[in-house]
């Protein structure tokens, strides 16, 4: 599976932004998907994950209630809707995939895309 994230950029605090991650391969619907982020000088942080069917979603505590993960298996795409972003959400966001794992441990995911930078201005 190859992953290509897009949609990053500059957004004002309190605004909104949607990230997309397009996946190659015919078995996209078999994979759990997720998002991680890493800010300069900080450790990688779990943002959100979604099961292969979309029936289960998980969020990091810092984004719960503000971000929403979703997927469209017909388009081989997973989304991260970022509402009311804060300056502390500034980071490089990475899309991940795994056939067997849905959760918050980054080392469990087999596939990583290149990141997309999100900058939230105050």
PDB file of N, CA and C in Angstrom:
ATOM      1  N   UNK A   1       0.850  -1.191   0.000  1.00  0.00           N
ATOM      2  CA  UNK A   1       0.000   0.000   0.000  1.00  0.00           C
ATOM      3  C   UNK A   1       0.886   1.242   0.000  1.00  0.00           C
ATOM      4  N   UNK A   2       0.608   2.139  -0.903  1.00  0.00           N
ATOM      5  CA  UNK A   2       1.311   3.429  -0.922  1.00  0.00           C
ATOM      6  C   UNK A   2       0.330   4.518  -0.533  1.00  0.00           C
ATOM      7  N   UNK A   3       0.792   5.430   0.309  1.00  0.00           N
ATOM      8  CA  UNK A   3      -0.074   6.454   0.875  1.00  0.00           C
ATOM      9  C   UNK A   3       0.430   7.834   0.493  1.00  0.00           C
ATOM     10  N   UNK A   4      -0.480   8.690   0.098  1.00  0.00           N
ATOM     11  CA  UNK A   4      -0.123  10.060  -0.283  1.00  0.00           C
ATOM     12  C   UNK A   4      -1.054  11.025   0.450  1.00  0.00           C
ATOM     13  N   UNK A   5      -0.490  11.734   1.406  1.00  0.00           N
ATOM     14  CA  UNK A   5      -1.268  12.706   2.170  1.00  0.00           C
ATOM     15  C   UNK A   5      -1.227  14.064   1.487  1.00  0.00           C
ATOM     16  N   UNK A   6      -2.317  14.797   1.632  1.00  0.00           N
ATOM     17  CA  UNK A   6      -2.390  16.138   1.061  1.00  0.00           C
ATOM     18  C   UNK A   6      -3.357  16.970   1.886  1.00  0.00           C
ATOM     19  N   UNK A   7      -3.388  18.260   1.585  1.00  0.00           N
ATOM     20  CA  UNK A   7      -4.334  19.137   2.245  1.00  0.00           C
ATOM     21  C   UNK A   7      -3.749  20.004   3.345  1.00  0.00           C
ATOM     22  N   UNK A   8      -2.485  19.797   3.648  1.00  0.00           N
ATOM     23  CA  UNK A   8      -1.870  20.622   4.677  1.00  0.00           C
ATOM     24  C   UNK A   8      -1.672  22.049   4.209  1.00  0.00           C
ATOM     25  N   UNK A   9      -1.362  22.917   5.148  1.00  0.00           N
ATOM     26  CA  UNK A   9      -1.147  24.308   4.818  1.00  0.00           C
ATOM     27  C   UNK A   9      -1.276  25.170   6.047  1.00  0.00           C
ATOM     28  N   UNK A  10      -1.496  26.444   5.810  1.00  0.00           N
ATOM     29  CA  UNK A  10      -1.636  27.405   6.891  1.00  0.00           C
ATOM     30  C   UNK A  10      -3.114  27.647   7.177  1.00  0.00           C
ATOM     31  N   UNK A  11      -3.478  27.562   8.428  1.00  0.00           N
ATOM     32  CA  UNK A  11      -4.872  27.794   8.835  1.00  0.00           C
ATOM     33  C   UNK A  11      -4.861  28.611  10.117  1.00  0.00           C
ATOM     34  N   UNK A  12      -5.863  29.442  10.250  1.00  0.00           N
ATOM     35  CA  UNK A  12      -5.981  30.248  11.464  1.00  0.00           C
ATOM     36  C   UNK A  12      -6.607  29.431  12.591  1.00  0.00           C
ATOM     37  N   UNK A  13      -6.200  29.708  13.782  1.00  0.00           N
ATOM     38  CA  UNK A  13      -6.803  29.052  14.935  1.00  0.00           C
ATOM     39  C   UNK A  13      -8.307  29.300  14.916  1.00  0.00           C
ATOM     40  N   UNK A  14      -9.056  28.252  15.179  1.00  0.00           N
ATOM     41  CA  UNK A  14     -10.504  28.359  15.162  1.00  0.00           C
ATOM     42  C   UNK A  14     -11.128  28.102  13.811  1.00  0.00           C
ATOM     43  N   UNK A  15     -10.314  27.967  12.785  1.00  0.00           N
ATOM     44  CA  UNK A  15     -10.822  27.705  11.451  1.00  0.00           C
ATOM     45  C   UNK A  15     -11.060  26.224  11.228  1.00  0.00           C
ATOM     46  N   UNK A  16     -10.840  25.782  10.001  1.00  0.00           N
ATOM     47  CA  UNK A  16     -10.975  24.356   9.710  1.00  0.00           C
ATOM     48  C   UNK A  16     -10.081  23.990   8.541  1.00  0.00           C
ATOM     49  N   UNK A  17      -9.735  22.732   8.489  1.00  0.00           N
ATOM     50  CA  UNK A  17      -8.869  22.215   7.435  1.00  0.00           C
ATOM     51  C   UNK A  17      -9.167  20.735   7.293  1.00  0.00           C
ATOM     52  N   UNK A  18      -9.112  20.233   6.078  1.00  0.00           N
ATOM     53  CA  UNK A  18      -9.319  18.799   5.878  1.00  0.00           C
ATOM     54  C   UNK A  18      -8.105  18.191   5.186  1.00  0.00           C
ATOM     55  N   UNK A  19      -7.551  17.192   5.816  1.00  0.00           N
ATOM     56  CA  UNK A  19      -6.463  16.425   5.222  1.00  0.00           C
ATOM     57  C   UNK A  19      -7.037  15.209   4.511  1.00  0.00           C
ATOM     58  N   UNK A  20      -6.377  14.829   3.429  1.00  0.00           N
ATOM     59  CA  UNK A  20      -6.767  13.628   2.697  1.00  0.00           C
ATOM     60  C   UNK A  20      -5.560  12.712   2.575  1.00  0.00           C
ATOM     61  N   UNK A  21      -5.831  11.443   2.481  1.00  0.00           N
ATOM     62  CA  UNK A  21      -4.772  10.467   2.251  1.00  0.00           C
ATOM     63  C   UNK A  21      -5.282   9.472   1.222  1.00  0.00           C
ATOM     64  N   UNK A  22      -4.692   9.505   0.056  1.00  0.00           N
ATOM     65  CA  UNK A  22      -5.070   8.590  -1.014  1.00  0.00           C
ATOM     66  C   UNK A  22      -4.167   7.374  -0.977  1.00  0.00           C
ATOM     67  N   UNK A  23      -4.765   6.214  -1.064  1.00  0.00           N
ATOM     68  CA  UNK A  23      -4.010   4.965  -1.004  1.00  0.00           C
ATOM     69  C   UNK A  23      -4.082   4.231  -2.334  1.00  0.00           C
ATOM     70  N   UNK A  24      -2.975   3.630  -2.680  1.00  0.00           N
ATOM     71  CA  UNK A  24      -2.968   2.814  -3.888  1.00  0.00           C
ATOM     72  C   UNK A  24      -3.299   1.373  -3.513  1.00  0.00           C
ATOM     73  N   UNK A  25      -3.644   0.579  -4.472  1.00  0.00           N
ATOM     74  CA  UNK A  25      -3.908  -0.829  -4.198  1.00  0.00           C
ATOM     75  C   UNK A  25      -5.373  -1.145  -4.164  1.00  0.00           C
ATOM     76  N   UNK A  26      -5.688  -2.368  -4.514  1.00  0.00           N
ATOM     77  CA  UNK A  26      -7.079  -2.784  -4.614  1.00  0.00           C
ATOM     78  C   UNK A  26      -7.665  -3.219  -3.292  1.00  0.00           C
ATOM     79  N   UNK A  27      -6.820  -3.369  -2.270  1.00  0.00           N
ATOM     80  CA  UNK A  27      -7.312  -3.889  -1.005  1.00  0.00           C
ATOM     81  C   UNK A  27      -7.406  -2.817   0.061  1.00  0.00           C
ATOM     82  N   UNK A  28      -7.581  -1.569  -0.341  1.00  0.00           N
ATOM     83  CA  UNK A  28      -7.652  -0.470   0.615  1.00  0.00           C
ATOM     84  C   UNK A  28      -8.688  -0.741   1.685  1.00  0.00           C
ATOM     85  N   UNK A  29      -9.819  -1.273   1.295  1.00  0.00           N
ATOM     86  CA  UNK A  29     -10.911  -1.476   2.245  1.00  0.00           C
ATOM     87  C   UNK A  29     -10.587  -2.531   3.295  1.00  0.00           C
ATOM     88  N   UNK A  30      -9.493  -3.257   3.129  1.00  0.00           N
ATOM     89  CA  UNK A  30      -9.079  -4.253   4.111  1.00  0.00           C
ATOM     90  C   UNK A  30      -8.191  -3.672   5.200  1.00  0.00           C
ATOM     91  N   UNK A  31      -7.764  -2.432   5.038  1.00  0.00           N
ATOM     92  CA  UNK A  31      -6.788  -1.837   5.933  1.00  0.00           C
ATOM     93  C   UNK A  31      -7.425  -0.862   6.912  1.00  0.00           C
ATOM     94  N   UNK A  32      -6.993  -0.958   8.152  1.00  0.00           N
ATOM     95  CA  UNK A  32      -7.266   0.113   9.093  1.00  0.00           C
ATOM     96  C   UNK A  32      -6.349   1.275   8.735  1.00  0.00           C
ATOM     97  N   UNK A  33      -6.821   2.486   8.971  1.00  0.00           N
ATOM     98  CA  UNK A  33      -6.072   3.677   8.608  1.00  0.00           C
ATOM     99  C   UNK A  33      -5.956   4.593   9.814  1.00  0.00           C
ATOM    100  N   UNK A  34      -4.963   5.460   9.764  1.00  0.00           N
ATOM    101  CA  UNK A  34      -4.810   6.373  10.893  1.00  0.00           C
ATOM    102  C   UNK A  34      -3.979   7.589  10.534  1.00  0.00           C
ATOM    103  N   UNK A  35      -3.920   8.475  11.510  1.00  0.00           N
ATOM    104  CA  UNK A  35      -3.095   9.680  11.374  1.00  0.00           C
ATOM    105  C   UNK A  35      -2.244   9.836  12.635  1.00  0.00           C
ATOM    106  N   UNK A  36      -0.987  10.172  12.420  1.00  0.00           N
ATOM    107  CA  UNK A  36      -0.080  10.568  13.483  1.00  0.00           C
ATOM    108  C   UNK A  36       0.469  11.944  13.127  1.00  0.00           C
ATOM    109  N   UNK A  37       1.060  12.587  14.100  1.00  0.00           N
ATOM    110  CA  UNK A  37       1.686  13.869  13.828  1.00  0.00           C
ATOM    111  C   UNK A  37       2.958  14.009  14.645  1.00  0.00           C
ATOM    112  N   UNK A  38       3.817  14.875  14.161  1.00  0.00           N
ATOM    113  CA  UNK A  38       5.047  15.153  14.881  1.00  0.00           C
ATOM    114  C   UNK A  38       5.409  16.613  14.719  1.00  0.00           C
ATOM    115  N   UNK A  39       5.488  17.290  15.847  1.00  0.00           N
ATOM    116  CA  UNK A  39       5.889  18.688  15.866  1.00  0.00           C
ATOM    117  C   UNK A  39       7.396  18.770  16.091  1.00  0.00           C
ATOM    118  N   UNK A  40       8.014  19.864  15.687  1.00  0.00           N
ATOM    119  CA  UNK A  40       9.469  20.009  15.872  1.00  0.00           C
ATOM    120  C   UNK A  40       9.867  19.831  17.331  1.00  0.00           C
ATOM    121  N   UNK A  41      10.842  18.967  17.561  1.00  0.00           N
ATOM    122  CA  UNK A  41      11.347  18.763  18.905  1.00  0.00           C
ATOM    123  C   UNK A  41      10.450  17.933  19.803  1.00  0.00           C
ATOM    124  N   UNK A  42       9.370  17.390  19.239  1.00  0.00           N
ATOM    125  CA  UNK A  42       8.447  16.595  20.046  1.00  0.00           C
ATOM    126  C   UNK A  42       8.355  15.173  19.502  1.00  0.00           C
ATOM    127  N   UNK A  43       7.837  14.295  20.339  1.00  0.00           N
ATOM    128  CA  UNK A  43       7.675  12.909  19.931  1.00  0.00           C
ATOM    129  C   UNK A  43       6.455  12.760  19.017  1.00  0.00           C
ATOM    130  N   UNK A  44       6.477  11.670  18.288  1.00  0.00           N
ATOM    131  CA  UNK A  44       5.334  11.357  17.439  1.00  0.00           C
ATOM    132  C   UNK A  44       4.091  11.157  18.301  1.00  0.00           C
ATOM    133  N   UNK A  45       2.958  11.649  17.806  1.00  0.00           N
ATOM    134  CA  UNK A  45       1.723  11.610  18.606  1.00  0.00           C
ATOM    135  C   UNK A  45       0.589  11.018  17.798  1.00  0.00           C
ATOM    136  N   UNK A  46      -0.153  10.154  18.432  1.00  0.00           N
ATOM    137  CA  UNK A  46      -1.336   9.568  17.799  1.00  0.00           C
ATOM    138  C   UNK A  46      -2.435  10.615  17.677  1.00  0.00           C
ATOM    139  N   UNK A  47      -3.046  10.675  16.502  1.00  0.00           N
ATOM    140  CA  UNK A  47      -4.139  11.625  16.277  1.00  0.00           C
ATOM    141  C   UNK A  47      -5.475  10.894  16.179  1.00  0.00           C
ATOM    142  N   UNK A  48      -5.573   9.963  15.242  1.00  0.00           N
ATOM    143  CA  UNK A  48      -6.847   9.272  15.045  1.00  0.00           C
ATOM    144  C   UNK A  48      -6.633   7.999  14.240  1.00  0.00           C
ATOM    145  N   UNK A  49      -7.574   7.074  14.377  1.00  0.00           N
ATOM    146  CA  UNK A  49      -7.541   5.833  13.604  1.00  0.00           C
ATOM    147  C   UNK A  49      -8.972   5.406  13.302  1.00  0.00           C
ATOM    148  N   UNK A  50      -9.111   4.645  12.220  1.00  0.00           N
ATOM    149  CA  UNK A  50     -10.426   4.174  11.801  1.00  0.00           C
ATOM    150  C   UNK A  50     -10.287   2.742  11.305  1.00  0.00           C
ATOM    151  N   UNK A  51     -11.254   1.915  11.656  1.00  0.00           N
ATOM    152  CA  UNK A  51     -11.223   0.509  11.249  1.00  0.00           C
ATOM    153  C   UNK A  51     -11.477   0.375   9.754  1.00  0.00           C
ATOM    154  N   UNK A  52     -11.265  -0.831   9.236  1.00  0.00           N
ATOM    155  CA  UNK A  52     -11.396  -1.036   7.800  1.00  0.00           C
ATOM    156  C   UNK A  52     -12.789  -0.707   7.290  1.00  0.00           C
ATOM    157  N   UNK A  53     -13.784  -0.943   8.111  1.00  0.00           N
ATOM    158  CA  UNK A  53     -15.168  -0.687   7.688  1.00  0.00           C
ATOM    159  C   UNK A  53     -15.617   0.734   7.974  1.00  0.00           C
ATOM    160  N   UNK A  54     -14.841   1.423   8.795  1.00  0.00           N
ATOM    161  CA  UNK A  54     -15.265   2.747   9.229  1.00  0.00           C
ATOM    162  C   UNK A  54     -16.172   2.704  10.445  1.00  0.00           C
ATOM    163  N   UNK A  55     -16.453   1.505  10.932  1.00  0.00           N
ATOM    164  CA  UNK A  55     -17.383   1.377  12.037  1.00  0.00           C
ATOM    165  C   UNK A  55     -16.820   1.760  13.390  1.00  0.00           C
ATOM    166  N   UNK A  56     -15.495   1.764  13.486  1.00  0.00           N
ATOM    167  CA  UNK A  56     -14.856   2.123  14.762  1.00  0.00           C
ATOM    168  C   UNK A  56     -13.828   3.218  14.531  1.00  0.00           C
ATOM    169  N   UNK A  57     -13.850   4.200  15.398  1.00  0.00           N
ATOM    170  CA  UNK A  57     -12.878   5.290  15.313  1.00  0.00           C
ATOM    171  C   UNK A  57     -12.258   5.527  16.690  1.00  0.00           C
ATOM    172  N   UNK A  58     -11.039   6.029  16.677  1.00  0.00           N
ATOM    173  CA  UNK A  58     -10.301   6.283  17.902  1.00  0.00           C
ATOM    174  C   UNK A  58      -9.579   7.622  17.753  1.00  0.00           C
ATOM    175  N   UNK A  59      -9.469   8.321  18.871  1.00  0.00           N
ATOM    176  CA  UNK A  59      -8.852   9.645  18.831  1.00  0.00           C
ATOM    177  C   UNK A  59      -7.884   9.844  19.982  1.00  0.00           C
ATOM    178  N   UNK A  60      -6.854  10.629  19.708  1.00  0.00           N
ATOM    179  CA  UNK A  60      -5.987  11.055  20.787  1.00  0.00           C
ATOM    180  C   UNK A  60      -6.711  12.066  21.660  1.00  0.00           C
ATOM    181  N   UNK A  61      -6.348  12.118  22.909  1.00  0.00           N
ATOM    182  CA  UNK A  61      -7.051  12.992  23.846  1.00  0.00           C
ATOM    183  C   UNK A  61      -6.981  14.463  23.436  1.00  0.00           C
ATOM    184  N   UNK A  62      -5.883  14.845  22.832  1.00  0.00           N
ATOM    185  CA  UNK A  62      -5.701  16.262  22.516  1.00  0.00           C
ATOM    186  C   UNK A  62      -6.570  16.739  21.350  1.00  0.00           C
ATOM    187  N   UNK A  63      -7.125  15.822  20.580  1.00  0.00           N
ATOM    188  CA  UNK A  63      -7.931  16.227  19.414  1.00  0.00           C
ATOM    189  C   UNK A  63      -9.382  15.783  19.523  1.00  0.00           C
ATOM    190  N   UNK A  64      -9.677  15.016  20.551  1.00  0.00           N
ATOM    191  CA  UNK A  64     -11.035  14.484  20.702  1.00  0.00           C
ATOM    192  C   UNK A  64     -12.041  15.621  20.769  1.00  0.00           C
ATOM    193  N   UNK A  65     -13.094  15.483  19.974  1.00  0.00           N
ATOM    194  CA  UNK A  65     -14.128  16.510  19.949  1.00  0.00           C
ATOM    195  C   UNK A  65     -13.878  17.613  18.940  1.00  0.00           C
ATOM    196  N   UNK A  66     -12.679  17.663  18.380  1.00  0.00           N
ATOM    197  CA  UNK A  66     -12.358  18.705  17.391  1.00  0.00           C
ATOM    198  C   UNK A  66     -12.039  18.122  16.020  1.00  0.00           C
ATOM    199  N   UNK A  67     -11.409  16.963  16.001  1.00  0.00           N
ATOM    200  CA  UNK A  67     -11.029  16.328  14.736  1.00  0.00           C
ATOM    201  C   UNK A  67     -11.932  15.119  14.485  1.00  0.00           C
ATOM    202  N   UNK A  68     -12.142  14.843  13.203  1.00  0.00           N
ATOM    203  CA  UNK A  68     -12.946  13.684  12.815  1.00  0.00           C
ATOM    204  C   UNK A  68     -12.251  12.923  11.701  1.00  0.00           C
ATOM    205  N   UNK A  69     -12.093  11.632  11.901  1.00  0.00           N
ATOM    206  CA  UNK A  69     -11.522  10.777  10.859  1.00  0.00           C
ATOM    207  C   UNK A  69     -12.659  10.047  10.151  1.00  0.00           C
ATOM    208  N   UNK A  70     -12.520   9.920   8.841  1.00  0.00           N
ATOM    209  CA  UNK A  70     -13.520   9.202   8.055  1.00  0.00           C
ATOM    210  C   UNK A  70     -12.824   8.573   6.850  1.00  0.00           C
ATOM    211  N   UNK A  71     -13.531   7.719   6.156  1.00  0.00           N
ATOM    212  CA  UNK A  71     -12.944   7.085   4.983  1.00  0.00           C
ATOM    213  C   UNK A  71     -14.008   6.850   3.927  1.00  0.00           C
ATOM    214  N   UNK A  72     -13.542   6.819   2.692  1.00  0.00           N
ATOM    215  CA  UNK A  72     -14.387   6.498   1.559  1.00  0.00           C
ATOM    216  C   UNK A  72     -13.690   5.362   0.815  1.00  0.00           C
ATOM    217  N   UNK A  73     -14.138   4.147   1.042  1.00  0.00           N
ATOM    218  CA  UNK A  73     -13.463   2.996   0.449  1.00  0.00           C
ATOM    219  C   UNK A  73     -13.609   2.953  -1.073  1.00  0.00           C
ATOM    220  N   UNK A  74     -14.651   3.563  -1.582  1.00  0.00           N
ATOM    221  CA  UNK A  74     -14.819   3.612  -3.037  1.00  0.00           C
ATOM    222  C   UNK A  74     -13.767   4.502  -3.686  1.00  0.00           C
ATOM    223  N   UNK A  75     -13.263   5.472  -2.919  1.00  0.00           N
ATOM    224  CA  UNK A  75     -12.248   6.397  -3.436  1.00  0.00           C
ATOM    225  C   UNK A  75     -10.859   6.103  -2.891  1.00  0.00           C
ATOM    226  N   UNK A  76     -10.725   5.030  -2.116  1.00  0.00           N
ATOM    227  CA  UNK A  76      -9.427   4.689  -1.530  1.00  0.00           C
ATOM    228  C   UNK A  76      -8.816   5.862  -0.773  1.00  0.00           C
ATOM    229  N   UNK A  77      -9.633   6.546  -0.012  1.00  0.00           N
ATOM    230  CA  UNK A  77      -9.182   7.766   0.638  1.00  0.00           C
ATOM    231  C   UNK A  77      -9.664   7.818   2.084  1.00  0.00           C
ATOM    232  N   UNK A  78      -8.790   8.288   2.949  1.00  0.00           N
ATOM    233  CA  UNK A  78      -9.148   8.553   4.329  1.00  0.00           C
ATOM    234  C   UNK A  78      -8.964  10.054   4.575  1.00  0.00           C
ATOM    235  N   UNK A  79      -9.812  10.605   5.416  1.00  0.00           N
ATOM    236  CA  UNK A  79      -9.822  12.041   5.658  1.00  0.00           C
ATOM    237  C   UNK A  79      -9.606  12.343   7.139  1.00  0.00           C
ATOM    238  N   UNK A  80      -9.077  13.519   7.394  1.00  0.00           N
ATOM    239  CA  UNK A  80      -9.027  14.031   8.754  1.00  0.00           C
ATOM    240  C   UNK A  80      -9.568  15.452   8.720  1.00  0.00           C
ATOM    241  N   UNK A  81     -10.765  15.620   9.238  1.00  0.00           N
ATOM    242  CA  UNK A  81     -11.379  16.938   9.325  1.00  0.00           C
ATOM    243  C   UNK A  81     -10.918  17.584  10.614  1.00  0.00           C
ATOM    244  N   UNK A  82     -10.256  18.726  10.479  1.00  0.00           N
ATOM    245  CA  UNK A  82      -9.703  19.430  11.637  1.00  0.00           C
ATOM    246  C   UNK A  82     -10.535  20.684  11.871  1.00  0.00           C
ATOM    247  N   UNK A  83     -11.332  20.672  12.905  1.00  0.00           N
ATOM    248  CA  UNK A  83     -12.131  21.836  13.268  1.00  0.00           C
ATOM    249  C   UNK A  83     -11.541  22.489  14.507  1.00  0.00           C
ATOM    250  N   UNK A  84     -11.680  23.798  14.572  1.00  0.00           N
ATOM    251  CA  UNK A  84     -11.150  24.570  15.698  1.00  0.00           C
ATOM    252  C   UNK A  84      -9.706  24.212  16.020  1.00  0.00           C
ATOM    253  N   UNK A  85      -8.842  24.223  15.021  1.00  0.00           N
ATOM    254  CA  UNK A  85      -7.444  23.898  15.316  1.00  0.00           C
ATOM    255  C   UNK A  85      -6.815  24.951  16.213  1.00  0.00           C
ATOM    256  N   UNK A  86      -5.795  24.511  16.938  1.00  0.00           N
ATOM    257  CA  UNK A  86      -5.070  25.381  17.844  1.00  0.00           C
ATOM    258  C   UNK A  86      -3.610  25.463  17.398  1.00  0.00           C
ATOM    259  N   UNK A  87      -2.895  26.468  17.806  1.00  0.00           N
ATOM    260  CA  UNK A  87      -1.465  26.548  17.435  1.00  0.00           C
ATOM    261  C   UNK A  87      -0.693  25.289  17.817  1.00  0.00           C
ATOM    262  N   UNK A  88      -1.079  24.651  18.889  1.00  0.00           N
ATOM    263  CA  UNK A  88      -0.368  23.431  19.297  1.00  0.00           C
ATOM    264  C   UNK A  88      -0.663  22.237  18.400  1.00  0.00           C
ATOM    265  N   UNK A  89      -1.570  22.389  17.455  1.00  0.00           N
ATOM    266  CA  UNK A  89      -1.817  21.338  16.462  1.00  0.00           C
ATOM    267  C   UNK A  89      -0.824  21.428  15.296  1.00  0.00           C
ATOM    268  N   UNK A  90       0.006  22.454  15.296  1.00  0.00           N
ATOM    269  CA  UNK A  90       1.004  22.611  14.245  1.00  0.00           C
ATOM    270  C   UNK A  90       1.969  21.434  14.269  1.00  0.00           C
ATOM    271  N   UNK A  91       2.088  20.758  13.130  1.00  0.00           N
ATOM    272  CA  UNK A  91       2.923  19.552  13.051  1.00  0.00           C
ATOM    273  C   UNK A  91       2.921  19.042  11.619  1.00  0.00           C
ATOM    274  N   UNK A  92       3.779  18.084  11.384  1.00  0.00           N
ATOM    275  CA  UNK A  92       3.696  17.297  10.156  1.00  0.00           C
ATOM    276  C   UNK A  92       2.766  16.122  10.444  1.00  0.00           C
ATOM    277  N   UNK A  93       1.778  15.954   9.603  1.00  0.00           N
ATOM    278  CA  UNK A  93       0.783  14.904   9.784  1.00  0.00           C
ATOM    279  C   UNK A  93       1.068  13.755   8.816  1.00  0.00           C
ATOM    280  N   UNK A  94       1.076  12.542   9.373  1.00  0.00           N
ATOM    281  CA  UNK A  94       1.371  11.351   8.595  1.00  0.00           C
ATOM    282  C   UNK A  94       0.165  10.423   8.546  1.00  0.00           C
ATOM    283  N   UNK A  95      -0.076   9.897   7.381  1.00  0.00           N
ATOM    284  CA  UNK A  95      -1.114   8.897   7.178  1.00  0.00           C
ATOM    285  C   UNK A  95      -0.490   7.511   7.321  1.00  0.00           C
ATOM    286  N   UNK A  96      -1.202   6.599   7.984  1.00  0.00           N
ATOM    287  CA  UNK A  96      -0.679   5.254   8.198  1.00  0.00           C
ATOM    288  C   UNK A  96      -1.745   4.217   7.876  1.00  0.00           C
ATOM    289  N   UNK A  97      -1.277   2.988   7.642  1.00  0.00           N
ATOM    290  CA  UNK A  97      -2.204   1.898   7.333  1.00  0.00           C
ATOM    291  C   UNK A  97      -1.662   0.588   7.876  1.00  0.00           C
ATOM    292  N   UNK A  98      -2.577  -0.285   8.249  1.00  0.00           N
ATOM    293  CA  UNK A  98      -2.194  -1.623   8.678  1.00  0.00           C
ATOM    294  C   UNK A  98      -3.378  -2.569   8.484  1.00  0.00           C
ATOM    295  N   UNK A  99      -3.068  -3.785   8.077  1.00  0.00           N
ATOM    296  CA  UNK A  99      -4.158  -4.719   7.800  1.00  0.00           C
ATOM    297  C   UNK A  99      -4.744  -5.320   9.073  1.00  0.00           C
ATOM    298  N   UNK A 100      -3.936  -5.338  10.154  1.00  0.00           N
ATOM    299  CA  UNK A 100      -4.383  -6.075  11.337  1.00  0.00           C
ATOM    300  C   UNK A 100      -4.551  -5.229  12.587  1.00  0.00           C
ATOM    301  N   UNK A 101      -4.088  -3.992  12.548  1.00  0.00           N
ATOM    302  CA  UNK A 101      -4.076  -3.203  13.779  1.00  0.00           C
ATOM    303  C   UNK A 101      -4.809  -1.882  13.606  1.00  0.00           C
ATOM    304  N   UNK A 102      -5.613  -1.545  14.585  1.00  0.00           N
ATOM    305  CA  UNK A 102      -6.270  -0.237  14.645  1.00  0.00           C
ATOM    306  C   UNK A 102      -6.058   0.295  16.046  1.00  0.00           C
ATOM    307  N   UNK A 103      -5.235   1.303  16.170  1.00  0.00           N
ATOM    308  CA  UNK A 103      -4.990   1.817  17.508  1.00  0.00           C
ATOM    309  C   UNK A 103      -3.993   2.935  17.515  1.00  0.00           C
ATOM    310  N   UNK A 104      -3.419   3.190  18.678  1.00  0.00           N
ATOM    311  CA  UNK A 104      -2.602   4.374  18.881  1.00  0.00           C
ATOM    312  C   UNK A 104      -1.096   4.127  18.927  1.00  0.00           C
ATOM    313  N   UNK A 105      -0.666   2.891  18.712  1.00  0.00           N
ATOM    314  CA  UNK A 105       0.764   2.593  18.773  1.00  0.00           C
ATOM    315  C   UNK A 105       1.388   2.707  17.392  1.00  0.00           C
ATOM    316  N   UNK A 106       2.244   3.694  17.213  1.00  0.00           N
ATOM    317  CA  UNK A 106       2.762   3.955  15.875  1.00  0.00           C
ATOM    318  C   UNK A 106       3.566   2.779  15.327  1.00  0.00           C
ATOM    319  N   UNK A 107       4.248   2.038  16.186  1.00  0.00           N
ATOM    320  CA  UNK A 107       5.119   0.954  15.713  1.00  0.00           C
ATOM    321  C   UNK A 107       4.342  -0.236  15.177  1.00  0.00           C
ATOM    322  N   UNK A 108       3.030  -0.247  15.380  1.00  0.00           N
ATOM    323  CA  UNK A 108       2.202  -1.347  14.881  1.00  0.00           C
ATOM    324  C   UNK A 108       1.811  -1.165  13.416  1.00  0.00           C
ATOM    325  N   UNK A 109       1.932   0.035  12.909  1.00  0.00           N
ATOM    326  CA  UNK A 109       1.481   0.298  11.543  1.00  0.00           C
ATOM    327  C   UNK A 109       2.599  -0.022  10.549  1.00  0.00           C
ATOM    328  N   UNK A 110       2.271  -0.791   9.553  1.00  0.00           N
ATOM    329  CA  UNK A 110       3.266  -1.224   8.580  1.00  0.00           C
ATOM    330  C   UNK A 110       3.534  -0.197   7.479  1.00  0.00           C
ATOM    331  N   UNK A 111       2.552   0.634   7.188  1.00  0.00           N
ATOM    332  CA  UNK A 111       2.676   1.531   6.043  1.00  0.00           C
ATOM    333  C   UNK A 111       2.537   2.982   6.477  1.00  0.00           C
ATOM    334  N   UNK A 112       3.455   3.795   5.985  1.00  0.00           N
ATOM    335  CA  UNK A 112       3.473   5.224   6.299  1.00  0.00           C
ATOM    336  C   UNK A 112       3.588   6.014   5.013  1.00  0.00           C
ATOM    337  N   UNK A 113       2.848   7.113   4.952  1.00  0.00           N
ATOM    338  CA  UNK A 113       2.999   8.028   3.840  1.00  0.00           C
ATOM    339  C   UNK A 113       3.949   9.156   4.208  1.00  0.00           C
ATOM    340  N   UNK A 114       4.291   9.931   3.211  1.00  0.00           N
ATOM    341  CA  UNK A 114       5.040  11.151   3.480  1.00  0.00           C
ATOM    342  C   UNK A 114       4.110  12.127   4.170  1.00  0.00           C
ATOM    343  N   UNK A 115       4.637  12.938   5.014  1.00  0.00           N
ATOM    344  CA  UNK A 115       3.811  13.824   5.801  1.00  0.00           C
ATOM    345  C   UNK A 115       3.351  15.047   5.043  1.00  0.00           C
ATOM    346  N   UNK A 116       2.363  15.699   5.600  1.00  0.00           N
ATOM    347  CA  UNK A 116       1.903  16.982   5.097  1.00  0.00           C
ATOM    348  C   UNK A 116       1.910  17.965   6.268  1.00  0.00           C
ATOM    349  N   UNK A 117       2.474  19.145   6.030  1.00  0.00           N
ATOM    350  CA  UNK A 117       2.662  20.102   7.111  1.00  0.00           C
ATOM    351  C   UNK A 117       1.403  20.937   7.337  1.00  0.00           C
ATOM    352  N   UNK A 118       0.994  20.995   8.584  1.00  0.00           N
ATOM    353  CA  UNK A 118      -0.109  21.855   8.997  1.00  0.00           C
ATOM    354  C   UNK A 118       0.441  22.895   9.961  1.00  0.00           C
ATOM    355  N   UNK A 119       0.178  24.154   9.649  1.00  0.00           N
ATOM    356  CA  UNK A 119       0.610  25.248  10.507  1.00  0.00           C
ATOM    357  C   UNK A 119      -0.621  26.034  10.933  1.00  0.00           C
ATOM    358  N   UNK A 120      -0.810  26.148  12.229  1.00  0.00           N
ATOM    359  CA  UNK A 120      -1.959  26.860  12.774  1.00  0.00           C
ATOM    360  C   UNK A 120      -1.473  28.169  13.379  1.00  0.00           C
ATOM    361  N   UNK A 121      -1.963  29.258  12.826  1.00  0.00           N
ATOM    362  CA  UNK A 121      -1.556  30.564  13.318  1.00  0.00           C
ATOM    363  C   UNK A 121      -2.532  31.068  14.381  1.00  0.00           C
ATOM    364  N   UNK A 122      -1.986  31.799  15.335  1.00  0.00           N
ATOM    365  CA  UNK A 122      -2.836  32.308  16.435  1.00  0.00           C
ATOM    366  C   UNK A 122      -3.439  33.662  16.088  1.00  0.00           C
TER     367      UNK A 122
END
